[in-house]
């Protein structure tokens, strides 16, 4: 099942500070809902484990994330894939952009993902609602992290 999502978040911090936090594994681990492990890999990406619940399906996903098209401090492309056992899999990517706005930074994102297994059987509306909730929680946590 394919899924797309986009949005923007106004952050009360300069672009270089936001860029630094977007590349800091400790900050990302604290901001990602359900994240249990997040460590840097030799290739400049991350290895992660996160426990996620979508409707009646709960799973621990293990995966890897790669950063590409790095354009500090303007943005990057993030690509990842995760395996959740019988719950299924997820893979996809996002283009993240940073621009100066209103004395802070406007972060924009465009996500494209593929999901399969039991997760894909839950239906598009439940998946999209859960993905939006997880994204909202991440950006709420991230906004606090860049301000404090």
Foldseek 3Di string as FASTA:
>chain_A
DKDKDKDKDWAQAALQLLQVLVLDQVLLQQQQAQWDDWDADPQSWIWTWGWDDQVPDIFIWTKIKDWDPDDPSFWTKIWMKIAGPQCWIKTWIKTWGWDDDPNTIMIIIMIMMDIDHNPPVVDDVSVVVRVVVSVVSSVVSSSVVSVD
